[in-house]
Protein backbone atom coordinates (compact mmCIF):
# COMPACT_ATOMS: atom_id res chain seq x y z
CA MET A 1 47.19 13.31 22.89
CA THR A 2 49.84 10.78 23.47
CA PRO A 3 52.76 10.24 21.14
CA ARG A 4 50.61 9.80 18.09
CA PHE A 5 51.41 13.50 17.64
CA LEU A 6 55.08 12.69 17.40
CA GLY A 7 54.43 10.50 14.47
CA LEU A 8 53.48 13.39 12.26
CA LEU A 9 57.03 13.72 11.40
CA ALA A 10 57.82 11.90 8.29
CA ALA A 11 57.79 11.77 4.56
CA ALA A 12 60.71 11.19 2.38
CA SER A 13 63.50 12.68 0.50
CA ALA A 14 65.34 11.06 -2.25
CA LEU A 15 68.21 12.42 -4.10
CA ALA A 16 69.63 11.77 -7.48
CA LEU A 17 73.31 12.08 -6.66
CA THR A 18 75.68 14.26 -8.52
CA VAL A 19 78.10 11.52 -9.47
CA PRO A 20 76.55 8.46 -11.09
CA SER A 21 78.51 5.30 -10.47
CA LEU A 22 78.63 1.61 -10.87
CA ALA A 23 77.27 -0.35 -7.95
CA GLN A 24 78.38 -3.44 -6.17
CA ASP A 25 75.10 -5.12 -5.22
CA SER A 26 75.57 -7.78 -2.58
CA PRO A 27 72.34 -9.58 -1.76
CA ALA A 28 73.91 -12.28 0.36
CA ASN A 29 75.95 -10.75 3.15
CA ALA A 30 73.66 -8.50 5.19
CA PRO A 31 74.08 -8.88 8.96
CA VAL A 32 72.01 -11.35 10.94
CA VAL A 33 71.46 -10.73 14.64
CA GLY A 34 70.35 -13.37 17.10
CA LYS A 35 70.87 -17.11 17.56
CA THR A 36 71.81 -18.31 14.11
CA GLU A 37 72.98 -21.81 14.98
CA THR A 38 69.42 -23.19 14.83
CA ALA A 39 68.08 -20.51 12.50
CA LYS A 40 65.37 -21.35 10.07
CA PRO A 41 65.84 -20.08 6.53
CA ALA A 42 65.57 -16.28 6.66
CA PRO A 43 64.47 -13.96 3.86
CA ALA A 44 67.38 -13.22 1.56
CA PRO A 45 68.72 -9.87 2.80
CA GLN A 46 69.49 -7.15 0.30
CA VAL A 47 72.64 -5.04 0.23
CA ARG A 48 72.84 -2.44 -2.52
CA THR A 49 75.81 -0.09 -2.86
CA ARG A 50 76.72 2.87 -5.01
CA ASP A 51 80.00 4.80 -5.19
CA LEU A 52 79.20 8.50 -5.28
CA ALA A 53 80.69 11.90 -4.52
CA GLY A 54 79.59 15.38 -3.51
CA THR A 55 80.64 18.61 -1.82
CA PHE A 56 79.72 18.87 1.86
CA GLY A 57 80.80 21.56 4.29
CA GLY A 58 83.01 22.95 1.53
CA GLN A 59 84.89 19.66 1.01
CA ARG A 60 84.73 17.31 -1.97
CA ILE A 61 83.96 13.85 -0.54
CA ALA A 62 83.86 10.46 -2.24
CA TYR A 63 81.59 8.06 -0.41
CA LYS A 64 79.85 4.72 -0.58
CA ALA A 65 76.06 4.70 -0.23
CA THR A 66 74.69 1.38 1.06
CA ILE A 67 71.09 0.36 1.68
CA ALA A 68 70.98 -2.95 3.52
CA ASP A 69 68.71 -5.34 5.38
CA THR A 70 69.53 -6.50 8.89
CA ILE A 71 67.60 -9.59 9.96
CA LEU A 72 66.70 -9.83 13.64
CA THR A 73 65.95 -13.34 14.85
CA GLY A 74 64.20 -14.74 17.90
CA GLU A 75 65.52 -17.20 20.43
CA GLU A 76 64.52 -20.13 18.25
CA GLY A 77 66.34 -18.71 15.25
CA LYS A 78 63.22 -17.58 13.41
CA ALA A 79 63.60 -14.36 11.41
CA GLU A 80 61.32 -11.85 13.17
CA ALA A 81 62.14 -8.43 11.73
CA VAL A 82 63.84 -6.92 8.70
CA ILE A 83 65.51 -3.61 9.56
CA VAL A 84 66.70 -1.40 6.70
CA THR A 85 69.66 0.93 7.14
CA THR A 86 71.03 3.46 4.67
CA SER A 87 74.65 4.41 5.29
CA TYR A 88 76.96 6.95 3.72
CA VAL A 89 80.63 6.23 4.42
CA LYS A 90 83.56 8.29 3.16
CA THR A 91 85.95 6.39 0.89
CA PRO A 92 88.49 5.12 1.47
CA ALA A 93 87.06 3.98 4.81
CA ASP A 94 88.68 5.55 7.86
CA PRO A 95 87.97 3.90 11.24
CA SER A 96 89.11 7.05 13.07
CA ARG A 97 86.23 9.07 11.63
CA PRO A 98 83.14 9.67 13.76
CA VAL A 99 79.99 7.75 12.88
CA PHE A 100 76.52 9.21 13.50
CA PHE A 101 73.55 6.85 13.89
CA ILE A 102 70.30 8.63 13.00
CA TYR A 103 66.56 7.89 13.04
CA ASN A 104 63.29 9.78 13.11
CA GLY A 105 60.35 9.54 15.47
CA GLY A 106 56.70 8.60 15.55
CA PRO A 107 56.67 5.99 16.83
CA GLY A 108 56.16 4.87 13.25
CA SER A 109 58.12 7.49 11.33
CA GLY A 110 60.75 6.53 8.76
CA SER A 111 64.15 8.22 8.62
CA VAL A 112 63.13 10.06 5.45
CA TRP A 113 62.92 13.45 7.14
CA LEU A 114 66.41 13.73 8.56
CA GLN A 115 67.94 11.73 5.75
CA MET A 116 66.48 13.63 2.82
CA GLY A 117 65.67 16.91 4.49
CA ALA A 118 68.69 17.66 6.65
CA PHE A 119 71.79 15.45 6.70
CA GLY A 120 71.82 13.12 3.68
CA PRO A 121 73.92 13.91 0.60
CA LYS A 122 70.81 15.01 -1.31
CA ARG A 123 67.67 16.79 -0.20
CA VAL A 124 64.24 17.40 -1.62
CA GLY A 125 63.53 20.94 -2.78
CA ILE A 126 60.40 22.36 -1.16
CA PRO A 127 59.49 25.96 -0.33
CA SER A 128 61.50 27.47 2.53
CA ASP A 129 58.96 30.15 3.43
CA ALA A 130 56.24 28.02 5.08
CA LYS A 131 54.30 27.57 1.83
CA ASP A 132 52.66 24.39 0.51
CA ASP A 133 54.90 22.11 -1.55
CA GLY A 134 52.22 21.87 -4.24
CA ALA A 135 52.23 19.28 -7.01
CA PRO A 136 55.17 17.34 -8.49
CA PRO A 137 57.84 17.36 -9.68
CA TYR A 138 59.83 17.89 -6.48
CA PRO A 139 63.50 18.52 -7.32
CA LEU A 140 66.28 16.48 -5.75
CA LEU A 141 69.11 18.84 -4.92
CA ASP A 142 72.71 18.56 -3.83
CA ASN A 143 72.89 19.07 -0.07
CA PRO A 144 76.06 20.97 0.91
CA ASP A 145 74.71 20.95 4.50
CA SER A 146 75.15 17.18 4.80
CA LEU A 147 77.45 16.20 7.66
CA LEU A 148 79.53 13.80 5.57
CA ASP A 149 82.59 16.02 5.86
CA VAL A 150 82.75 15.39 9.62
CA ALA A 151 81.11 11.98 10.12
CA ASP A 152 79.94 8.84 8.39
CA LEU A 153 76.14 8.63 8.54
CA VAL A 154 73.92 5.61 9.26
CA PHE A 155 70.17 6.17 8.92
CA ILE A 156 68.04 3.52 10.63
CA ASP A 157 64.39 2.72 9.94
CA PRO A 158 63.17 0.92 13.10
CA PRO A 159 60.60 -1.89 12.86
CA GLY A 160 57.37 -0.75 11.22
CA THR A 161 58.93 2.31 9.56
CA GLY A 162 60.30 2.91 6.08
CA PHE A 163 60.78 -0.47 4.40
CA SER A 164 61.51 -2.18 7.74
CA HIS A 165 58.90 -4.70 8.81
CA LEU A 166 58.04 -7.64 11.00
CA THR A 167 57.91 -11.06 9.38
CA PRO A 168 54.60 -12.97 9.26
CA GLY A 169 53.74 -14.47 12.62
CA THR A 170 55.94 -12.15 14.68
CA ASP A 171 54.17 -10.80 17.75
CA PRO A 172 54.12 -6.97 17.48
CA LYS A 173 54.56 -6.75 21.27
CA LYS A 174 58.13 -8.01 20.86
CA TYR A 175 59.18 -4.91 18.88
CA TYR A 176 56.62 -2.14 19.36
CA GLY A 177 57.31 -0.39 22.66
CA LEU A 178 59.74 1.83 24.51
CA ARG A 179 62.03 -0.98 25.63
CA GLN A 180 61.41 -3.28 22.69
CA ASP A 181 62.16 -0.68 20.03
CA GLY A 182 65.23 0.58 21.89
CA ARG A 183 66.59 -2.95 22.15
CA ALA A 184 66.09 -3.64 18.43
CA VAL A 185 67.78 -0.41 17.35
CA ALA A 186 70.67 -1.06 19.74
CA GLN A 187 71.12 -4.51 18.17
CA VAL A 188 71.31 -3.01 14.70
CA ILE A 189 73.84 -0.38 15.79
CA ARG A 190 76.06 -2.91 17.54
CA ARG A 191 75.99 -5.20 14.52
CA TRP A 192 76.83 -2.35 12.12
CA ILE A 193 79.82 -1.44 14.29
CA ASN A 194 80.98 -5.07 14.22
CA ASP A 195 80.54 -5.57 10.50
CA ASN A 196 82.22 -2.30 9.56
CA GLY A 197 85.13 -2.43 12.03
CA ARG A 198 84.14 0.79 13.81
CA TRP A 199 84.69 -0.03 17.49
CA ALA A 200 87.45 2.59 17.71
CA SER A 201 85.40 5.33 16.03
CA PRO A 202 83.86 8.24 17.95
CA LYS A 203 80.12 7.51 18.02
CA TYR A 204 77.12 9.83 17.99
CA LEU A 205 73.51 8.87 18.38
CA GLY A 206 70.40 10.89 17.80
CA GLY A 207 67.02 11.52 16.31
CA GLU A 208 64.08 13.81 16.00
CA SER A 209 60.80 14.01 17.94
CA TYR A 210 60.03 10.55 19.35
CA GLY A 211 63.52 9.81 18.03
CA THR A 212 64.80 11.77 21.04
CA SER A 213 62.80 9.44 23.30
CA ARG A 214 64.27 6.50 21.37
CA THR A 215 67.74 7.93 22.00
CA ALA A 216 67.17 7.73 25.75
CA MET A 217 66.12 4.10 25.41
CA VAL A 218 68.95 3.15 23.03
CA VAL A 219 71.67 4.76 25.14
CA ASP A 220 70.34 2.79 28.09
CA GLU A 221 70.69 -0.39 26.03
CA LEU A 222 74.17 0.45 24.71
CA GLU A 223 75.74 1.87 27.86
CA GLY A 224 73.38 0.54 30.49
CA SER A 225 71.52 -2.66 31.16
CA THR A 226 71.83 -4.81 28.06
CA TYR A 227 75.24 -4.54 26.37
CA ASN A 228 77.15 -1.99 28.42
CA ASP A 229 79.92 -2.11 25.84
CA VAL A 230 79.27 0.62 23.26
CA GLY A 231 80.73 3.90 24.47
CA LEU A 232 79.21 7.06 22.99
CA ASN A 233 80.64 10.53 22.48
CA GLY A 234 77.46 12.50 21.93
CA LEU A 235 73.68 12.50 21.85
CA ILE A 236 72.06 14.75 19.25
CA LEU A 237 68.43 15.57 20.06
CA ILE A 238 66.23 17.47 17.61
CA SER A 239 62.76 18.62 18.72
CA THR A 240 62.93 16.85 22.05
CA ILE A 241 60.20 14.98 23.93
CA LEU A 242 61.27 13.16 27.10
CA ASP A 243 58.73 14.17 29.73
CA PHE A 244 55.32 13.29 28.34
CA ALA A 245 53.32 15.02 31.06
CA GLY A 246 53.94 18.27 29.21
CA ARG A 247 51.97 16.97 26.23
CA GLU A 248 48.81 15.83 28.06
CA PRO A 249 46.44 18.74 28.85
CA THR A 250 44.11 16.59 30.92
CA PRO A 251 42.05 18.13 33.76
CA GLY A 252 44.32 18.74 36.72
CA ASN A 253 47.58 18.57 34.77
CA GLU A 254 48.73 22.19 34.64
CA LEU A 255 52.20 21.44 33.23
CA ALA A 256 50.93 21.18 29.66
CA TYR A 257 49.61 24.76 29.74
CA ILE A 258 52.84 26.05 31.27
CA VAL A 259 55.26 24.51 28.76
CA THR A 260 53.23 25.53 25.67
CA LEU A 261 52.77 29.18 26.65
CA PRO A 262 56.13 30.34 25.20
CA ASN A 263 55.20 28.67 21.90
CA MET A 264 51.92 30.58 21.86
CA ALA A 265 53.80 33.82 22.40
CA ALA A 266 56.21 33.01 19.56
CA ALA A 267 53.34 32.20 17.17
CA ALA A 268 51.42 35.32 18.18
CA TRP A 269 54.52 37.44 17.53
CA TYR A 270 55.17 35.81 14.15
CA HIS A 271 51.62 36.48 12.94
CA GLY A 272 51.52 40.04 14.23
CA LYS A 273 49.24 39.37 17.22
CA ALA A 274 51.83 40.26 19.88
CA GLU A 275 54.54 42.90 20.04
CA ALA A 276 58.21 42.49 20.93
CA PRO A 277 61.58 43.41 19.40
CA SER A 278 62.21 39.78 18.36
CA VAL A 279 60.98 36.24 18.80
CA GLU A 280 63.80 35.68 21.28
CA ALA A 281 62.60 38.63 23.34
CA ILE A 282 58.97 37.56 23.54
CA VAL A 283 59.74 33.92 24.35
CA GLU A 284 61.99 35.03 27.20
CA GLU A 285 59.17 37.16 28.58
CA ALA A 286 56.83 34.19 28.20
CA ARG A 287 59.26 31.80 29.92
CA LYS A 288 59.45 34.02 32.99
CA PHE A 289 55.70 34.57 33.10
CA ALA A 290 54.94 30.87 32.54
CA ILE A 291 57.13 29.56 35.33
CA GLY A 292 56.23 32.44 37.64
CA PRO A 293 52.84 34.20 37.88
CA PHE A 294 51.08 31.89 35.41
CA ALA A 295 52.18 28.66 37.10
CA THR A 296 51.33 30.10 40.50
CA ALA A 297 47.84 31.09 39.34
CA LEU A 298 47.10 27.68 37.85
CA LEU A 299 48.32 25.84 40.94
CA LYS A 300 46.10 27.95 43.19
CA GLY A 301 43.05 26.62 41.36
CA GLU A 302 39.78 27.83 42.89
CA ASP A 303 41.73 29.73 45.56
CA LEU A 304 43.02 32.21 42.98
CA PRO A 305 41.96 35.73 44.08
CA ALA A 306 39.97 37.78 41.56
CA ALA A 307 42.55 40.59 41.36
CA GLU A 308 45.40 38.15 40.72
CA ARG A 309 43.29 36.34 38.13
CA ALA A 310 42.61 39.60 36.30
CA ALA A 311 46.30 40.52 36.24
CA VAL A 312 47.32 37.10 34.95
CA ARG A 313 44.56 37.15 32.33
CA LYS A 314 45.67 40.55 31.05
CA GLU A 315 49.32 39.49 30.65
CA LEU A 316 48.27 36.20 29.09
CA ALA A 317 46.26 38.11 26.50
CA ARG A 318 49.22 40.36 25.72
CA LEU A 319 51.57 37.42 25.17
CA THR A 320 49.23 35.09 23.26
CA GLY A 321 47.23 37.52 21.14
CA LEU A 322 43.97 36.01 22.43
CA SER A 323 41.21 38.15 23.90
CA GLU A 324 40.63 38.32 27.64
CA THR A 325 37.06 37.24 26.97
CA TYR A 326 38.27 34.04 25.30
CA LEU A 327 40.86 33.39 28.01
CA GLU A 328 38.28 33.79 30.74
CA ALA A 329 35.90 31.42 28.96
CA ALA A 330 38.78 28.89 28.79
CA ASN A 331 39.49 29.33 32.51
CA LEU A 332 42.97 30.65 31.58
CA ARG A 333 43.79 27.19 30.15
CA VAL A 334 43.97 27.15 26.35
CA THR A 335 44.91 23.84 24.73
CA ASP A 336 47.22 23.93 21.76
CA GLN A 337 44.46 22.59 19.48
CA ARG A 338 42.17 25.47 20.43
CA PHE A 339 45.00 27.95 19.93
CA TYR A 340 45.64 26.78 16.34
CA LYS A 341 42.03 27.65 15.50
CA GLU A 342 41.55 30.78 17.59
CA LEU A 343 44.69 32.85 16.97
CA LEU A 344 43.84 33.83 13.37
CA ARG A 345 40.09 33.19 13.42
CA ASP A 346 39.51 36.83 12.49
CA ARG A 347 41.46 36.19 9.28
CA GLY A 348 39.72 32.89 8.54
CA GLN A 349 42.97 30.95 8.97
CA THR A 350 44.42 28.24 11.21
CA ILE A 351 48.08 27.77 12.12
CA GLY A 352 50.29 24.69 12.02
CA ARG A 353 51.09 22.30 14.83
CA LEU A 354 54.48 21.11 13.62
CA ASP A 355 55.34 24.63 12.49
CA ALA A 356 53.15 27.56 13.52
CA ARG A 357 54.46 29.70 10.63
CA TYR A 358 52.24 27.71 8.26
CA THR A 359 48.62 28.75 7.81
CA GLY A 360 45.64 26.84 6.46
CA LYS A 361 41.99 27.38 5.66
CA ASP A 362 39.36 25.05 7.12
CA TYR A 363 36.02 24.03 5.65
CA ASP A 364 34.44 26.70 7.86
CA ASN A 365 35.59 29.16 10.49
CA ALA A 366 33.24 28.16 13.29
CA GLY A 367 34.92 25.09 14.75
CA GLU A 368 36.94 24.75 17.92
CA THR A 369 39.92 22.91 16.44
CA PRO A 370 41.47 22.84 12.94
CA ASP A 371 40.56 20.31 10.27
CA ASP A 372 44.19 19.31 9.77
CA ASP A 373 47.78 20.49 10.20
CA PRO A 374 48.87 22.79 7.33
CA SER A 375 52.51 22.36 8.35
CA PHE A 376 52.26 18.63 7.62
CA TYR A 377 50.18 18.54 4.46
CA GLY A 378 52.34 21.42 3.22
CA ILE A 379 55.43 19.18 2.94
CA ASP A 380 54.48 15.49 2.93
CA ALA A 381 54.08 14.83 -0.79
CA GLY A 382 57.54 16.12 -1.70
CA TYR A 383 59.34 13.99 0.87
CA THR A 384 57.41 10.82 0.02
CA ALA A 385 58.18 11.14 -3.68
CA ALA A 386 61.83 11.84 -2.99
CA ILE A 387 62.57 8.88 -0.71
CA ASN A 388 60.96 6.42 -3.09
CA SER A 389 62.86 7.82 -6.05
CA TRP A 390 66.17 7.78 -4.17
CA THR A 391 66.00 4.32 -2.63
CA ARG A 392 64.37 2.49 -5.52
CA GLU A 393 65.81 4.21 -8.58
CA THR A 394 69.21 5.50 -7.47
CA LEU A 395 70.24 3.00 -4.80
CA GLY A 396 68.45 0.11 -6.47
CA TYR A 397 66.53 -1.29 -3.50
CA ARG A 398 64.00 -3.87 -4.70
CA THR A 399 60.75 -4.36 -2.82
CA ASP A 400 57.00 -4.40 -3.37
CA ARG A 401 56.46 -2.84 0.06
CA GLU A 402 55.35 0.76 0.41
CA TYR A 403 57.75 3.08 2.21
CA GLN A 404 56.12 3.87 5.56
CA SER A 405 56.96 7.51 6.16
CA ILE A 406 54.32 7.47 8.91
CA GLY A 407 53.58 3.85 9.69
CA ARG A 408 50.40 3.21 11.67
CA GLU A 409 51.16 -0.28 12.95
CA PRO A 410 53.72 0.64 15.63
CA GLY A 411 51.40 3.19 17.25
CA ARG A 412 48.53 0.71 17.37
CA HIS A 413 50.55 -1.74 19.46
CA TRP A 414 53.00 0.54 21.30
CA ASP A 415 53.87 -0.34 24.89
CA TRP A 416 54.51 2.93 26.70
CA SER A 417 55.58 1.38 29.99
CA LEU A 418 59.12 1.38 31.31
CA GLY A 419 58.34 -1.52 33.60
CA GLY A 420 55.44 -3.93 33.30
CA PRO A 421 52.39 -3.86 31.04
CA GLY A 422 50.41 -0.68 30.48
CA ARG A 423 51.44 2.94 30.43
CA SER A 424 53.07 4.68 33.37
CA ALA A 425 50.94 7.40 34.94
CA TYR A 426 53.88 9.81 34.62
CA LEU A 427 56.19 8.95 31.74
CA ASN A 428 59.54 10.72 31.95
CA ILE A 429 62.58 9.09 30.38
CA ALA A 430 65.00 12.01 30.73
CA PRO A 431 66.56 10.33 33.82
CA LEU A 432 68.01 7.64 31.52
CA ILE A 433 69.99 10.34 29.74
CA GLY A 434 71.15 11.74 33.08
CA GLN A 435 72.31 8.31 34.16
CA ALA A 436 74.26 7.77 30.94
CA MET A 437 75.96 11.16 31.26
CA ARG A 438 76.87 10.59 34.90
CA GLN A 439 78.37 7.20 34.09
CA ASN A 440 80.21 8.40 30.96
CA SER A 441 82.17 11.58 31.70
CA GLY A 442 82.87 12.11 27.99
CA LEU A 443 79.23 11.97 26.88
CA ARG A 444 77.88 15.33 25.71
CA LEU A 445 74.41 16.37 24.54
CA PHE A 446 73.26 18.71 21.78
CA ASN A 447 69.63 19.87 21.86
CA ALA A 448 67.96 21.67 18.93
CA GLN A 449 64.51 23.29 19.15
CA GLY A 450 62.35 25.39 16.86
CA TYR A 451 60.46 28.33 18.36
CA TYR A 452 57.31 27.52 16.38
CA ASP A 453 57.06 23.81 17.25
CA PHE A 454 53.95 22.83 19.21
CA ALA A 455 54.48 19.07 18.79
CA THR A 456 57.52 19.13 21.08
CA PRO A 457 57.61 22.58 22.74
CA PHE A 458 61.05 24.03 23.42
CA PHE A 459 60.12 25.01 26.97
CA GLY A 460 59.12 21.40 27.62
CA ALA A 461 62.56 20.25 26.46
CA GLU A 462 64.20 22.78 28.75
CA TYR A 463 62.06 21.66 31.64
CA SER A 464 62.88 17.96 31.19
CA LEU A 465 66.63 18.37 30.61
CA LYS A 466 67.21 20.83 33.45
CA ARG A 467 66.03 18.44 36.16
CA SER A 468 68.34 17.16 38.88
CA GLY A 469 70.79 14.46 37.88
CA ILE A 470 71.57 15.74 34.36
CA PRO A 471 75.02 17.41 34.04
CA GLN A 472 74.28 20.89 32.70
CA ASP A 473 77.87 21.73 31.74
CA ARG A 474 77.80 19.14 28.94
CA ILE A 475 74.59 20.31 27.23
CA THR A 476 74.63 22.56 24.16
CA TRP A 477 71.36 24.38 23.39
CA ALA A 478 70.45 25.66 19.92
CA TYR A 479 67.28 27.46 18.74
CA TYR A 480 65.83 28.11 15.31
CA GLY A 481 63.28 30.44 13.70
CA SER A 482 61.04 27.65 12.44
CA GLY A 483 59.25 24.60 13.80
CA HIS A 484 59.50 20.88 14.48
CA MET A 485 61.53 20.22 11.34
CA MET A 486 63.61 23.36 11.35
CA TYR A 487 65.58 22.20 8.29
CA VAL A 488 62.62 22.91 5.97
CA ARG A 489 63.73 26.55 6.26
CA ASP A 490 66.94 27.12 4.28
CA GLU A 491 68.57 29.40 6.85
CA ASP A 492 67.84 27.01 9.68
CA ARG A 493 69.06 23.94 7.80
CA ALA A 494 72.40 25.66 7.29
CA LYS A 495 72.52 26.75 10.93
CA LEU A 496 71.57 23.30 12.23
CA SER A 497 74.27 21.71 10.11
CA ALA A 498 76.89 24.22 11.26
CA ASP A 499 75.87 23.81 14.91
CA ILE A 500 76.09 20.00 14.84
CA ARG A 501 79.30 20.09 12.81
CA ALA A 502 80.87 22.26 15.53
CA PHE A 503 79.51 19.94 18.24
CA ILE A 504 81.11 16.87 16.59
CA ARG A 505 84.42 18.62 15.99
CA ASN A 506 84.58 19.83 19.57
CA ARG A 507 84.82 16.35 21.11
C-alpha cells in the first residue's frame, strides 16, 4: 500500500473570522515564476486580501489574510500550473518575524487540514472524542491555538490539491512526482520570500504525512541542488513518513511488521484489550519487544525454533490483544488492515487507520479487512464544508473549481523515483534531511507523532530519523494521545501548538 494511504489526510476548514473587514482585492499582481520574457498570455491571477484580527497564544493580533495565485511557467513561457497560497501576516508587517511555510500530504491532499484544523486563525468545530462529525452545520470557531503570535503563516496547496491545478496541455509528469513536486513548491516559497521582502526572516518549513516527505524534497531544493540560497531555521514534521519500506508488508519485508507493532499495542490498550499503567508504558514495552525478540524471530524465518516461536507468540498476544490461535494462523505477521478488523471483532466493530481511537461498524463481521476507515469518514464532511466557506465566502476567492481536499490526479501520475523513471526498490528520503542538517548547523527538526496513527507509525518515524548521518542533538520529539491528525483532539491541538511555539521561540 504505497503512499495512496498518505492521501487520506485532507478535508477542509474554513473560518468566519472574528473581525470583519474591508478587503483590498488585487487580481493583477500575483507572482509569476519562470521565463516571462517570451511568456504567452497567462490566466489572470487572483489576489484577495482581508484585514482581520484575533487572539492567538494569549495575544491580540491584527493580520492580513491573503489568498493568491502563483503562476508557474515552462521554459517557453507557457503557463503550466496555478498554485494557490493562503497567507496570514501580522500587521504592520515585520520582516524580523519568523515565517512558517505549511502544506499537507497525499500526494494529493490540500492544506485544509493543518490550515483549518490546527494552525489557521479559525478552525472547524468537530467532536474531540473520536466520534463522527455527523451532519451540518459545522461551526467555524476562533482558534487561540493558531501560531500567528510567533510566526507569519503561509499555507501552500501544491499542484493538483486544493484549488491549485495544471493548465490544459501541461504534462502531469512535469509536476507529479517526488522531485517535480518538491521543485514546484520550492519555487513558490522562493517567490513568496522575494515578493514579501522576507529574506532576513527566520524560516520554518513543514507538513503532515506525505507533507513530511515533501519537506525532505523541498529542503533539498532550497538548500541543496537547485537554489542553494534559502537558509532554513527549522523543519516541522507531523506524522512522519520518510522510509517507505516500513509501510509495505510484502512477503519477505519484515520491517513493516516491526514498526507497526507498537501501534497495535497502543490500540489494544486504548480499547481495553491489553493491560498497562499508561499508553506510554505499553508502547515502550512494545518498542523493546519489536526491535528485540520479535525482530529476531521474524529474521530467523523457517529456522525459528518451536520454543522460541511459542514464547514470541505469547508475548505478541499479550501486547496486541489478539489470540495466539490467530497469531499462529497469521505466521506471527499481522498486517495493519487485518488488525483493524480483528481487534474488536468480538464486539462487531472495526478500528480506524488514521486514528485507532475511532470505531466503525461494517456491513458484516465476517470479512478480513474493514469496509472503510471510520477515522476518515468521521471528520471529512466538516473540513470540506469549512474550507469552501472560508475561502469562497470570507476571503472572496472566485473559482468554479472544486476544492480538492484529496485530489486523485497526483496519485495517478506520481513518480516515486529519486533518480530515473520508475520507483526505487527501497525508497528512503530521510538522508536528504540528514544532509541538510549537516550542511546547516543552525537547522533543527521538530517531529510530532500520534500513538494511534497507523498511516505513519511513530516507531517508523523513529527508525528513519535515528539512522546514521542525522544529527540527533537537534531533533525534538513530541507524542500525542490521538492519531494521524492529533489536532482533532482538543487537548492535543493545544499541546501541539504549545510544543511548536516553544520550538520556534527557542531558535
